[in-house]
Amino acid sequence: MTHSTARSSGAPTTDAAPRSPNATRFTSPTPGRAPAAAPPEFTDEEVLRQPLGYWTGAASEAIVGFINDNLARGGVRQPHWWTLNRVREAPQGLTRDEVVEVVGASRPYVDVSDLGTAVDELVERGLLATGDGGRLHLTAAGDTLVDHLWQEVLPPTLAQIRAGMSDAEYVTVVRLLHRMIHNVGGDAGFRP
């Protein structure tokens, strides 16, 4: 199964980047505001009969869409974001192939086939530069953008996703999902 994050890349702009026609469109609530309608309440018995795959897929589409919509305020989407962060972490820089390898190894359910396009777009925008041996490095503008997104965009985005849930509840949800992935022989490996 391919995770939806890679299906939603587009040319970075300051507006929300377009999604591929195959991706489900998610309209995010206004940042900092709760959704208008509360989700339906189900009895425990009703929940036990509901398909987990549907709910995990729906959660993934909604959360990834919301994150991408907020990253778009900085002109990027997740493939660009992963690329910028992995290149920033590499003291010697990364080649295009290494970007694909490193991102793919850290996110086993993500389609990394469009990372080459993300690299091209980041170079074109002056956020990445190519050095000796085709090694990519962040430019000053790229470094500034990453700082801005980490400090100004992601904290309120992630806070809205976790609104109404304690740290302990969040940890429990993630640990339960890890366990279920493991139970079905999936790859629960992940590197932030």
N, C-alpha and C. Protein backbone atom coordinates (compact mmCIF):
# COMPACT_ATOMS: atom_id res chain seq x y z
N MET A 1 0.85 -1.18 0.00
CA MET A 1 0.00 0.00 0.00
C MET A 1 0.88 1.23 0.00
N THR A 2 0.57 2.18 -0.78
CA THR A 2 1.32 3.42 -0.85
C THR A 2 0.63 4.45 0.01
N HIS A 3 1.42 5.12 0.82
CA HIS A 3 0.88 6.15 1.70
C HIS A 3 0.55 7.37 0.87
N SER A 4 -0.45 8.09 1.26
CA SER A 4 -0.98 9.20 0.47
C SER A 4 -0.05 10.40 0.37
N THR A 5 0.95 10.48 1.21
CA THR A 5 1.76 11.69 1.23
C THR A 5 2.46 11.94 -0.08
N ALA A 6 2.94 10.91 -0.73
CA ALA A 6 3.67 11.12 -1.96
C ALA A 6 2.73 11.43 -3.13
N ARG A 7 1.47 11.05 -3.02
CA ARG A 7 0.54 11.31 -4.10
C ARG A 7 0.14 12.76 -4.16
N SER A 8 0.52 13.54 -3.19
CA SER A 8 0.01 14.91 -3.13
C SER A 8 1.12 15.93 -3.32
N SER A 9 2.08 15.63 -4.18
CA SER A 9 3.11 16.63 -4.40
C SER A 9 2.71 17.49 -5.59
N GLY A 10 3.20 18.67 -5.59
CA GLY A 10 2.95 19.59 -6.68
C GLY A 10 4.03 20.64 -6.66
N ALA A 11 4.04 21.50 -7.60
CA ALA A 11 5.03 22.56 -7.62
C ALA A 11 4.83 23.43 -6.40
N PRO A 12 5.92 23.72 -5.67
CA PRO A 12 5.76 24.53 -4.48
C PRO A 12 5.37 25.96 -4.84
N THR A 13 4.39 26.44 -4.13
CA THR A 13 3.95 27.81 -4.29
C THR A 13 3.59 28.33 -2.92
N THR A 14 3.26 29.59 -2.82
CA THR A 14 2.82 30.11 -1.54
C THR A 14 1.37 29.77 -1.28
N ASP A 15 0.62 29.38 -2.33
CA ASP A 15 -0.74 28.89 -2.16
C ASP A 15 -0.68 27.39 -2.02
N ALA A 16 -1.80 26.78 -1.65
CA ALA A 16 -1.84 25.33 -1.54
C ALA A 16 -1.51 24.74 -2.91
N ALA A 17 -0.54 23.83 -2.93
CA ALA A 17 -0.13 23.20 -4.18
C ALA A 17 -1.21 22.23 -4.64
N PRO A 18 -1.35 22.07 -5.95
CA PRO A 18 -2.39 21.17 -6.45
C PRO A 18 -2.07 19.72 -6.12
N ARG A 19 -3.10 18.93 -5.96
CA ARG A 19 -2.94 17.51 -5.71
C ARG A 19 -3.17 16.76 -7.01
N SER A 20 -2.65 15.56 -7.07
CA SER A 20 -2.89 14.75 -8.25
C SER A 20 -4.37 14.40 -8.31
N PRO A 21 -4.88 14.11 -9.49
CA PRO A 21 -6.31 13.79 -9.61
C PRO A 21 -6.69 12.53 -8.84
N ASN A 22 -5.74 11.65 -8.53
CA ASN A 22 -6.03 10.41 -7.82
C ASN A 22 -6.10 10.59 -6.31
N ALA A 23 -5.66 11.71 -5.79
CA ALA A 23 -5.64 11.92 -4.35
C ALA A 23 -6.98 12.46 -3.86
N THR A 24 -7.36 12.02 -2.70
CA THR A 24 -8.58 12.54 -2.09
C THR A 24 -8.29 13.94 -1.58
N ARG A 25 -9.15 14.87 -1.87
CA ARG A 25 -8.95 16.27 -1.44
C ARG A 25 -9.47 16.45 -0.04
N PHE A 26 -8.65 16.99 0.80
CA PHE A 26 -9.03 17.28 2.17
C PHE A 26 -9.05 18.78 2.33
N THR A 27 -10.13 19.32 2.83
CA THR A 27 -10.23 20.74 3.10
C THR A 27 -9.99 20.92 4.59
N SER A 28 -8.90 21.55 4.91
CA SER A 28 -8.54 21.68 6.32
C SER A 28 -9.36 22.78 7.00
N PRO A 29 -9.59 22.60 8.30
CA PRO A 29 -10.21 23.69 9.05
C PRO A 29 -9.22 24.85 9.16
N THR A 30 -9.72 25.99 9.50
CA THR A 30 -8.85 27.14 9.70
C THR A 30 -7.86 26.82 10.81
N PRO A 31 -6.55 27.03 10.58
CA PRO A 31 -5.57 26.74 11.63
C PRO A 31 -5.95 27.44 12.94
N GLY A 32 -5.83 26.69 14.03
CA GLY A 32 -6.11 27.24 15.35
C GLY A 32 -7.57 27.15 15.75
N ARG A 33 -8.44 26.64 14.87
CA ARG A 33 -9.86 26.52 15.19
C ARG A 33 -10.28 25.06 15.10
N ALA A 34 -11.14 24.65 15.97
CA ALA A 34 -11.63 23.27 15.97
C ALA A 34 -12.59 23.07 14.81
N PRO A 35 -12.70 21.83 14.33
CA PRO A 35 -13.68 21.55 13.28
C PRO A 35 -15.08 21.93 13.74
N ALA A 36 -15.95 22.29 12.79
CA ALA A 36 -17.28 22.78 13.11
C ALA A 36 -18.17 21.73 13.77
N ALA A 37 -18.11 20.50 13.30
CA ALA A 37 -19.00 19.47 13.82
C ALA A 37 -18.19 18.40 14.56
N ALA A 38 -18.71 17.97 15.68
CA ALA A 38 -18.05 16.89 16.42
C ALA A 38 -18.28 15.58 15.68
N PRO A 39 -17.32 14.67 15.76
CA PRO A 39 -17.51 13.38 15.10
C PRO A 39 -18.66 12.62 15.77
N PRO A 40 -19.29 11.72 15.02
CA PRO A 40 -20.39 10.96 15.61
C PRO A 40 -19.88 10.09 16.76
N GLU A 41 -20.73 9.90 17.72
CA GLU A 41 -20.39 9.03 18.84
C GLU A 41 -20.93 7.64 18.54
N PHE A 42 -20.13 6.63 18.76
CA PHE A 42 -20.54 5.25 18.56
C PHE A 42 -20.42 4.52 19.89
N THR A 43 -21.25 3.53 20.06
CA THR A 43 -21.12 2.69 21.24
C THR A 43 -19.88 1.82 21.07
N ASP A 44 -19.38 1.27 22.15
CA ASP A 44 -18.22 0.38 22.06
C ASP A 44 -18.51 -0.79 21.13
N GLU A 45 -19.72 -1.32 21.20
CA GLU A 45 -20.09 -2.45 20.33
C GLU A 45 -20.06 -2.05 18.86
N GLU A 46 -20.51 -0.84 18.55
CA GLU A 46 -20.47 -0.35 17.16
C GLU A 46 -19.04 -0.17 16.70
N VAL A 47 -18.19 0.37 17.57
CA VAL A 47 -16.78 0.58 17.21
C VAL A 47 -16.11 -0.76 16.93
N LEU A 48 -16.40 -1.78 17.72
CA LEU A 48 -15.78 -3.09 17.53
C LEU A 48 -16.13 -3.72 16.18
N ARG A 49 -17.21 -3.29 15.54
CA ARG A 49 -17.62 -3.83 14.24
C ARG A 49 -17.13 -2.94 13.07
N GLN A 50 -16.48 -1.84 13.38
CA GLN A 50 -16.05 -0.93 12.32
C GLN A 50 -14.67 -1.33 11.79
N PRO A 51 -14.44 -1.08 10.50
CA PRO A 51 -13.17 -1.50 9.87
C PRO A 51 -12.00 -0.59 10.24
N LEU A 52 -11.01 -1.18 10.88
CA LEU A 52 -9.83 -0.42 11.29
C LEU A 52 -9.11 0.19 10.09
N GLY A 53 -9.03 -0.58 9.00
CA GLY A 53 -8.36 -0.07 7.80
C GLY A 53 -8.99 1.21 7.28
N TYR A 54 -10.32 1.26 7.33
CA TYR A 54 -11.00 2.49 6.91
C TYR A 54 -10.58 3.66 7.80
N TRP A 55 -10.64 3.46 9.12
CA TRP A 55 -10.37 4.56 10.04
C TRP A 55 -8.91 5.00 10.00
N THR A 56 -7.98 4.06 9.88
CA THR A 56 -6.58 4.48 9.80
C THR A 56 -6.31 5.19 8.47
N GLY A 57 -6.95 4.71 7.39
CA GLY A 57 -6.80 5.40 6.10
C GLY A 57 -7.41 6.78 6.11
N ALA A 58 -8.61 6.90 6.70
CA ALA A 58 -9.27 8.20 6.78
C ALA A 58 -8.45 9.17 7.63
N ALA A 59 -7.91 8.67 8.75
CA ALA A 59 -7.08 9.51 9.60
C ALA A 59 -5.83 9.96 8.85
N SER A 60 -5.21 9.04 8.13
CA SER A 60 -4.02 9.38 7.37
C SER A 60 -4.31 10.45 6.33
N GLU A 61 -5.37 10.27 5.55
CA GLU A 61 -5.71 11.26 4.52
C GLU A 61 -5.98 12.63 5.14
N ALA A 62 -6.75 12.66 6.22
CA ALA A 62 -7.11 13.93 6.84
C ALA A 62 -5.88 14.61 7.45
N ILE A 63 -5.07 13.86 8.18
CA ILE A 63 -3.91 14.44 8.86
C ILE A 63 -2.86 14.89 7.84
N VAL A 64 -2.55 14.03 6.87
CA VAL A 64 -1.55 14.40 5.87
C VAL A 64 -2.03 15.59 5.05
N GLY A 65 -3.31 15.60 4.69
CA GLY A 65 -3.85 16.74 3.96
C GLY A 65 -3.72 18.03 4.75
N PHE A 66 -4.04 17.95 6.05
CA PHE A 66 -3.95 19.13 6.92
C PHE A 66 -2.50 19.61 7.04
N ILE A 67 -1.56 18.69 7.22
CA ILE A 67 -0.15 19.06 7.32
C ILE A 67 0.31 19.68 6.00
N ASN A 68 -0.04 19.06 4.88
CA ASN A 68 0.37 19.61 3.58
C ASN A 68 -0.22 20.98 3.33
N ASP A 69 -1.47 21.17 3.70
CA ASP A 69 -2.08 22.49 3.53
C ASP A 69 -1.35 23.55 4.35
N ASN A 70 -0.89 23.19 5.52
CA ASN A 70 -0.16 24.14 6.36
C ASN A 70 1.27 24.33 5.87
N LEU A 71 1.95 23.27 5.43
CA LEU A 71 3.29 23.42 4.86
C LEU A 71 3.24 24.29 3.60
N ALA A 72 2.13 24.23 2.88
CA ALA A 72 1.99 25.03 1.66
C ALA A 72 2.09 26.52 1.95
N ARG A 73 1.83 26.92 3.18
CA ARG A 73 2.01 28.34 3.54
C ARG A 73 3.47 28.75 3.40
N GLY A 74 4.37 27.78 3.49
CA GLY A 74 5.79 28.05 3.25
C GLY A 74 6.22 27.67 1.85
N GLY A 75 5.25 27.26 1.02
CA GLY A 75 5.55 26.94 -0.36
C GLY A 75 6.06 25.53 -0.59
N VAL A 76 5.87 24.64 0.38
CA VAL A 76 6.34 23.26 0.21
C VAL A 76 5.23 22.28 0.56
N ARG A 77 5.47 21.02 0.21
CA ARG A 77 4.62 19.91 0.60
C ARG A 77 5.54 18.88 1.25
N GLN A 78 4.98 17.79 1.73
CA GLN A 78 5.79 16.84 2.48
C GLN A 78 7.04 16.35 1.74
N PRO A 79 6.98 15.98 0.46
CA PRO A 79 8.22 15.52 -0.19
C PRO A 79 9.33 16.58 -0.16
N HIS A 80 8.98 17.85 -0.29
CA HIS A 80 9.97 18.92 -0.20
C HIS A 80 10.49 19.01 1.24
N TRP A 81 9.56 18.91 2.19
CA TRP A 81 9.90 19.03 3.60
C TRP A 81 10.86 17.92 4.02
N TRP A 82 10.55 16.69 3.63
CA TRP A 82 11.44 15.57 3.97
C TRP A 82 12.81 15.80 3.35
N THR A 83 12.85 16.25 2.11
CA THR A 83 14.11 16.48 1.41
C THR A 83 14.93 17.55 2.13
N LEU A 84 14.31 18.68 2.43
CA LEU A 84 15.04 19.76 3.11
C LEU A 84 15.61 19.29 4.45
N ASN A 85 14.83 18.56 5.22
CA ASN A 85 15.29 18.12 6.53
C ASN A 85 16.41 17.10 6.44
N ARG A 86 16.30 16.14 5.53
CA ARG A 86 17.34 15.12 5.40
C ARG A 86 18.63 15.72 4.87
N VAL A 87 18.54 16.64 3.93
CA VAL A 87 19.76 17.31 3.44
C VAL A 87 20.38 18.14 4.56
N ARG A 88 19.56 18.82 5.32
CA ARG A 88 20.06 19.65 6.43
C ARG A 88 20.81 18.81 7.46
N GLU A 89 20.33 17.59 7.71
CA GLU A 89 20.95 16.71 8.70
C GLU A 89 22.29 16.14 8.24
N ALA A 90 22.56 16.13 6.95
CA ALA A 90 23.75 15.49 6.40
C ALA A 90 24.88 16.51 6.28
N PRO A 91 25.90 16.41 7.14
CA PRO A 91 26.99 17.40 7.11
C PRO A 91 27.68 17.52 5.75
N GLN A 92 27.78 16.42 5.02
CA GLN A 92 28.44 16.44 3.71
C GLN A 92 27.44 16.62 2.57
N GLY A 93 26.18 16.82 2.91
CA GLY A 93 25.14 16.92 1.89
C GLY A 93 24.73 15.54 1.42
N LEU A 94 23.75 15.48 0.53
CA LEU A 94 23.26 14.23 -0.03
C LEU A 94 23.13 14.37 -1.54
N THR A 95 23.35 13.28 -2.23
CA THR A 95 23.05 13.28 -3.67
C THR A 95 21.55 13.05 -3.82
N ARG A 96 21.06 13.23 -5.02
CA ARG A 96 19.64 12.99 -5.31
C ARG A 96 19.28 11.55 -4.94
N ASP A 97 20.11 10.57 -5.34
CA ASP A 97 19.82 9.17 -5.01
C ASP A 97 19.84 8.92 -3.50
N GLU A 98 20.74 9.57 -2.79
CA GLU A 98 20.79 9.40 -1.34
C GLU A 98 19.55 9.99 -0.66
N VAL A 99 19.03 11.09 -1.20
CA VAL A 99 17.79 11.66 -0.65
C VAL A 99 16.68 10.61 -0.73
N VAL A 100 16.53 10.00 -1.90
CA VAL A 100 15.49 8.98 -2.08
C VAL A 100 15.73 7.81 -1.13
N GLU A 101 16.97 7.36 -1.01
CA GLU A 101 17.30 6.23 -0.14
C GLU A 101 17.03 6.54 1.32
N VAL A 102 17.46 7.71 1.79
CA VAL A 102 17.30 8.07 3.20
C VAL A 102 15.83 8.28 3.55
N VAL A 103 15.10 8.99 2.71
CA VAL A 103 13.68 9.21 2.99
C VAL A 103 12.93 7.88 2.92
N GLY A 104 13.21 7.07 1.91
CA GLY A 104 12.54 5.78 1.77
C GLY A 104 12.81 4.86 2.95
N ALA A 105 14.04 4.87 3.47
CA ALA A 105 14.38 4.02 4.62
C ALA A 105 13.69 4.49 5.89
N SER A 106 13.41 5.77 5.99
CA SER A 106 12.80 6.30 7.22
C SER A 106 11.28 6.25 7.19
N ARG A 107 10.70 6.04 6.01
CA ARG A 107 9.24 6.01 5.86
C ARG A 107 8.87 4.90 4.89
N PRO A 108 8.78 3.66 5.40
CA PRO A 108 8.61 2.52 4.50
C PRO A 108 7.30 2.48 3.72
N TYR A 109 6.29 3.23 4.11
CA TYR A 109 5.01 3.21 3.40
C TYR A 109 4.78 4.43 2.53
N VAL A 110 5.84 5.16 2.25
CA VAL A 110 5.73 6.37 1.44
C VAL A 110 6.32 6.10 0.06
N ASP A 111 5.60 6.51 -0.97
CA ASP A 111 6.09 6.41 -2.34
C ASP A 111 7.08 7.55 -2.56
N VAL A 112 8.36 7.19 -2.76
CA VAL A 112 9.41 8.20 -2.89
C VAL A 112 9.73 8.51 -4.35
N SER A 113 8.91 8.02 -5.27
CA SER A 113 9.21 8.19 -6.69
C SER A 113 9.21 9.64 -7.15
N ASP A 114 8.56 10.54 -6.43
CA ASP A 114 8.54 11.95 -6.87
C ASP A 114 9.54 12.82 -6.12
N LEU A 115 10.44 12.21 -5.36
CA LEU A 115 11.43 13.03 -4.64
C LEU A 115 12.41 13.71 -5.60
N GLY A 116 12.70 13.10 -6.73
CA GLY A 116 13.57 13.76 -7.71
C GLY A 116 12.96 15.06 -8.19
N THR A 117 11.65 15.06 -8.40
CA THR A 117 10.95 16.28 -8.79
C THR A 117 11.01 17.31 -7.67
N ALA A 118 10.85 16.84 -6.42
CA ALA A 118 10.93 17.76 -5.28
C ALA A 118 12.32 18.40 -5.21
N VAL A 119 13.36 17.61 -5.44
CA VAL A 119 14.73 18.15 -5.45
C VAL A 119 14.85 19.22 -6.52
N ASP A 120 14.40 18.92 -7.73
CA ASP A 120 14.48 19.89 -8.83
C ASP A 120 13.77 21.20 -8.47
N GLU A 121 12.58 21.08 -7.90
CA GLU A 121 11.82 22.28 -7.53
C GLU A 121 12.54 23.08 -6.44
N LEU A 122 13.14 22.40 -5.49
CA LEU A 122 13.86 23.10 -4.42
C LEU A 122 15.11 23.78 -4.95
N VAL A 123 15.81 23.15 -5.90
CA VAL A 123 16.98 23.77 -6.52
C VAL A 123 16.53 24.99 -7.33
N GLU A 124 15.46 24.83 -8.11
CA GLU A 124 14.94 25.93 -8.94
C GLU A 124 14.55 27.12 -8.08
N ARG A 125 14.00 26.87 -6.91
CA ARG A 125 13.58 27.95 -6.01
C ARG A 125 14.74 28.55 -5.21
N GLY A 126 15.92 27.98 -5.33
CA GLY A 126 17.08 28.49 -4.60
C GLY A 126 17.11 28.07 -3.14
N LEU A 127 16.42 26.99 -2.80
CA LEU A 127 16.40 26.48 -1.42
C LEU A 127 17.45 25.39 -1.22
N LEU A 128 17.82 24.72 -2.32
CA LEU A 128 18.91 23.75 -2.33
C LEU A 128 19.89 24.16 -3.41
N ALA A 129 21.16 23.84 -3.19
CA ALA A 129 22.19 24.07 -4.20
C ALA A 129 22.96 22.77 -4.38
N THR A 130 23.43 22.56 -5.60
CA THR A 130 24.22 21.37 -5.92
C THR A 130 25.69 21.73 -5.88
N GLY A 131 26.45 20.94 -5.12
CA GLY A 131 27.89 21.16 -5.00
C GLY A 131 28.66 20.06 -5.67
N ASP A 132 29.91 19.85 -5.21
CA ASP A 132 30.80 18.84 -5.77
C ASP A 132 30.15 17.46 -5.72
N GLY A 133 30.30 16.72 -6.79
CA GLY A 133 29.78 15.37 -6.85
C GLY A 133 28.26 15.29 -6.83
N GLY A 134 27.60 16.41 -7.15
CA GLY A 134 26.14 16.42 -7.16
C GLY A 134 25.54 16.40 -5.76
N ARG A 135 26.35 16.75 -4.76
CA ARG A 135 25.85 16.75 -3.38
C ARG A 135 25.02 18.00 -3.14
N LEU A 136 23.85 17.79 -2.57
CA LEU A 136 22.91 18.87 -2.30
C LEU A 136 23.14 19.45 -0.92
N HIS A 137 23.03 20.76 -0.82
CA HIS A 137 23.15 21.48 0.45
C HIS A 137 22.05 22.53 0.51
N LEU A 138 21.59 22.83 1.72
CA LEU A 138 20.64 23.91 1.87
C LEU A 138 21.33 25.24 1.62
N THR A 139 20.64 26.14 0.95
CA THR A 139 21.11 27.51 0.82
C THR A 139 20.69 28.27 2.08
N ALA A 140 21.11 29.50 2.19
CA ALA A 140 20.68 30.33 3.33
C ALA A 140 19.16 30.47 3.31
N ALA A 141 18.56 30.63 2.12
CA ALA A 141 17.10 30.75 2.03
C ALA A 141 16.43 29.43 2.45
N GLY A 142 17.01 28.31 2.08
CA GLY A 142 16.46 27.01 2.48
C GLY A 142 16.54 26.81 3.98
N ASP A 143 17.65 27.20 4.55
CA ASP A 143 17.82 27.09 6.00
C ASP A 143 16.83 27.98 6.74
N THR A 144 16.63 29.18 6.24
CA THR A 144 15.66 30.11 6.84
C THR A 144 14.25 29.56 6.75
N LEU A 145 13.90 28.97 5.60
CA LEU A 145 12.56 28.40 5.44
C LEU A 145 12.34 27.23 6.40
N VAL A 146 13.32 26.35 6.52
CA VAL A 146 13.18 25.21 7.44
C VAL A 146 12.99 25.72 8.87
N ASP A 147 13.79 26.70 9.28
CA ASP A 147 13.61 27.27 10.63
C ASP A 147 12.21 27.85 10.80
N HIS A 148 11.75 28.59 9.81
CA HIS A 148 10.42 29.20 9.88
C HIS A 148 9.33 28.13 10.03
N LEU A 149 9.41 27.09 9.22
CA LEU A 149 8.40 26.04 9.29
C LEU A 149 8.43 25.31 10.63
N TRP A 150 9.64 25.00 11.13
CA TRP A 150 9.75 24.33 12.43
C TRP A 150 9.25 25.22 13.57
N GLN A 151 9.51 26.50 13.49
CA GLN A 151 9.19 27.39 14.61
C GLN A 151 7.79 28.01 14.52
N GLU A 152 7.33 28.33 13.32
CA GLU A 152 6.09 29.09 13.18
C GLU A 152 4.90 28.30 12.62
N VAL A 153 5.15 27.33 11.79
CA VAL A 153 4.06 26.63 11.11
C VAL A 153 3.73 25.30 11.78
N LEU A 154 4.72 24.47 12.02
CA LEU A 154 4.43 23.14 12.54
C LEU A 154 3.91 23.11 13.97
N PRO A 155 4.40 23.93 14.90
CA PRO A 155 3.83 23.84 16.26
C PRO A 155 2.32 24.02 16.31
N PRO A 156 1.74 25.07 15.69
CA PRO A 156 0.27 25.16 15.75
C PRO A 156 -0.43 24.08 14.93
N THR A 157 0.19 23.63 13.86
CA THR A 157 -0.39 22.56 13.05
C THR A 157 -0.50 21.28 13.87
N LEU A 158 0.60 20.89 14.51
CA LEU A 158 0.60 19.66 15.30
C LEU A 158 -0.26 19.80 16.55
N ALA A 159 -0.31 20.99 17.11
CA ALA A 159 -1.17 21.22 18.28
C ALA A 159 -2.63 21.03 17.91
N GLN A 160 -3.02 21.49 16.72
CA GLN A 160 -4.42 21.32 16.31
C GLN A 160 -4.74 19.84 16.09
N ILE A 161 -3.82 19.10 15.51
CA ILE A 161 -4.03 17.67 15.30
C ILE A 161 -4.24 16.96 16.63
N ARG A 162 -3.49 17.35 17.66
CA ARG A 162 -3.55 16.69 18.96
C ARG A 162 -4.50 17.38 19.94
N ALA A 163 -5.28 18.34 19.49
CA ALA A 163 -6.19 19.06 20.38
C ALA A 163 -7.12 18.09 21.10
N GLY A 164 -7.28 18.29 22.40
CA GLY A 164 -8.19 17.47 23.19
C GLY A 164 -7.63 16.13 23.58
N MET A 165 -6.35 15.89 23.32
CA MET A 165 -5.75 14.61 23.67
C MET A 165 -4.49 14.87 24.48
N SER A 166 -4.32 14.10 25.54
CA SER A 166 -3.14 14.25 26.39
C SER A 166 -1.93 13.62 25.72
N ASP A 167 -0.75 13.95 26.23
CA ASP A 167 0.47 13.31 25.73
C ASP A 167 0.37 11.79 25.90
N ALA A 168 -0.14 11.35 27.03
CA ALA A 168 -0.26 9.91 27.29
C ALA A 168 -1.20 9.25 26.27
N GLU A 169 -2.30 9.92 25.92
CA GLU A 169 -3.22 9.37 24.92
C GLU A 169 -2.56 9.28 23.55
N TYR A 170 -1.81 10.31 23.20
CA TYR A 170 -1.11 10.30 21.92
C TYR A 170 -0.12 9.15 21.86
N VAL A 171 0.68 9.00 22.93
CA VAL A 171 1.65 7.91 22.99
C VAL A 171 0.94 6.56 22.87
N THR A 172 -0.18 6.41 23.54
CA THR A 172 -0.94 5.16 23.48
C THR A 172 -1.41 4.87 22.06
N VAL A 173 -1.95 5.87 21.37
CA VAL A 173 -2.42 5.67 20.00
C VAL A 173 -1.28 5.22 19.10
N VAL A 174 -0.14 5.90 19.17
CA VAL A 174 0.99 5.56 18.30
C VAL A 174 1.51 4.16 18.64
N ARG A 175 1.63 3.85 19.92
CA ARG A 175 2.10 2.51 20.31
C ARG A 175 1.13 1.41 19.84
N LEU A 176 -0.17 1.67 19.93
CA LEU A 176 -1.15 0.69 19.45
C LEU A 176 -1.04 0.48 17.94
N LEU A 177 -0.85 1.56 17.20
CA LEU A 177 -0.68 1.43 15.76
C LEU A 177 0.59 0.65 15.43
N HIS A 178 1.69 0.93 16.14
CA HIS A 178 2.92 0.15 15.95
C HIS A 178 2.64 -1.33 16.16
N ARG A 179 1.93 -1.65 17.24
CA ARG A 179 1.64 -3.05 17.56
C ARG A 179 0.82 -3.70 16.45
N MET A 180 -0.20 -3.01 15.95
CA MET A 180 -1.04 -3.57 14.90
C MET A 180 -0.24 -3.80 13.61
N ILE A 181 0.62 -2.87 13.27
CA ILE A 181 1.48 -3.04 12.09
C ILE A 181 2.35 -4.27 12.28
N HIS A 182 2.96 -4.39 13.44
CA HIS A 182 3.80 -5.56 13.75
C HIS A 182 2.98 -6.84 13.69
N ASN A 183 1.75 -6.81 14.22
CA ASN A 183 0.89 -8.00 14.26
C ASN A 183 0.60 -8.57 12.87
N VAL A 184 0.55 -7.71 11.87
CA VAL A 184 0.25 -8.17 10.52
C VAL A 184 1.51 -8.31 9.65
N GLY A 185 2.67 -8.26 10.30
CA GLY A 185 3.92 -8.46 9.58
C GLY A 185 4.39 -7.26 8.79
N GLY A 186 3.86 -6.09 9.13
CA GLY A 186 4.27 -4.87 8.43
C GLY A 186 5.54 -4.29 9.00
N ASP A 187 6.06 -3.28 8.36
CA ASP A 187 7.27 -2.60 8.78
C ASP A 187 6.89 -1.41 9.65
N ALA A 188 7.12 -1.54 10.94
CA ALA A 188 6.80 -0.45 11.88
C ALA A 188 7.99 0.46 12.08
N GLY A 189 9.02 0.31 11.24
CA GLY A 189 10.19 1.18 11.34
C GLY A 189 9.85 2.60 10.90
N PHE A 190 10.38 3.54 11.58
CA PHE A 190 10.13 4.95 11.25
C PHE A 190 11.25 5.75 11.89
N ARG A 191 11.71 6.76 11.19
CA ARG A 191 12.70 7.66 11.73
C ARG A 191 12.17 9.07 11.55
N PRO A 192 12.03 9.81 12.65
CA PRO A 192 11.51 11.18 12.52
C PRO A 192 12.32 12.04 11.55
